[in-house]
Amino acid sequence: MQFLDQMIKKGALLIAFSCLIFSGCQKGDSNVLTDADDNGGYAHDVSKLEWLSNDAISLADAAGNYYNAVYMRTTDTLNTFGSCATVATDTLGAQKTLIIRFGNQNCECLDGRNRRGTILIQYSGHYNDSNSTHTITFQDYYVNDEQFAGTIKATRVDTTVTGRWYYNITADESLITTPNQIVTWKGSLVRKFIAGYTTGRRDDDVFSISGGATLTRANGHIFTFDLQTPLQFALNCDYCEAGVANVTGYNGARQLDYSVSSSTTIGGCDNVGKLTINGHIYTIRF
């Protein structure tokens, strides 16, 4: 009987020890996020807003480089706009204005995205002057039926290397999906060319975004983004392709890595990322 009692006790200890091991492993390997903010929420918002911002600045630059053309459809040999947009100019005064009009109805542009509404760009001097600030605003502007609004101030900074100028960005932007669903993005950022500058086209442009900003989600939750590794955006990709952000705010500290990809190429064009919370790693889609 004593031997049987000892065996039962040993068995019970073994079962308890096994439960600790397996529960510990399960916790470490868990890839389930129940919080909507963490489970791709803020990662999606930043990816979407920054893509829209980069696209708007790129469109402004295209218009600025062809500012003397009233109709981009007839004068733009690089087909930057296609037949969707016209550009009006007012360059007589000290404060110059470019107006890019896509019309009141959706028009499918050369990149396959539907746009409507108006982008306005104000600046002084010549468009490409060093230290020139381009103030970009929007009037009922939509991309694929999502409204992009707010103000972007892009100040050109020249360097000693030809073609390596960049923009210091002050962002105060909004993504409005429905009247009651508004996401805002405010901060100071630096936007640099990675690829595509020399071609004069938009479809091969790739940019890096560094700095920091604050995101307010539609649910009211606020997150601060410190871009530890610059975010990478290609205009021909709908998603942030790479970059690491330290995220703080509503639910504590996290690290968001956009560089993870479902393909064999790290940083590929998809909506797969990695979120690290208290040492635990989660794969997310944004």
Foldseek 3Di string as FASTA:
>chain_A
DVVVVVVVVVVVVVVVVVVVVVVVVCVQQDFDDPDCCPQCNVQVVVFQQVLVVVVLVVVVVLCLVVVVFQACCPPVPQQQWHRQWGWDWDQPDQKIKIKIARDDDWDQTPLRKTKGFIKMWIWGDRPPDAQIWIKIATDQIDINQKDKGDIKIWTWHDDPDPPWIWTWIFDWMWIDNDPLWIKTKGDIKIKTWDDDRVPSHQQATKIWIADKIWMQGSVRWIKIWHFPFTWMDRNSASGTQFTKIWIATDPGTKIKTNQPDPDPHGSDRAQWIWMADPNHIHIHGD
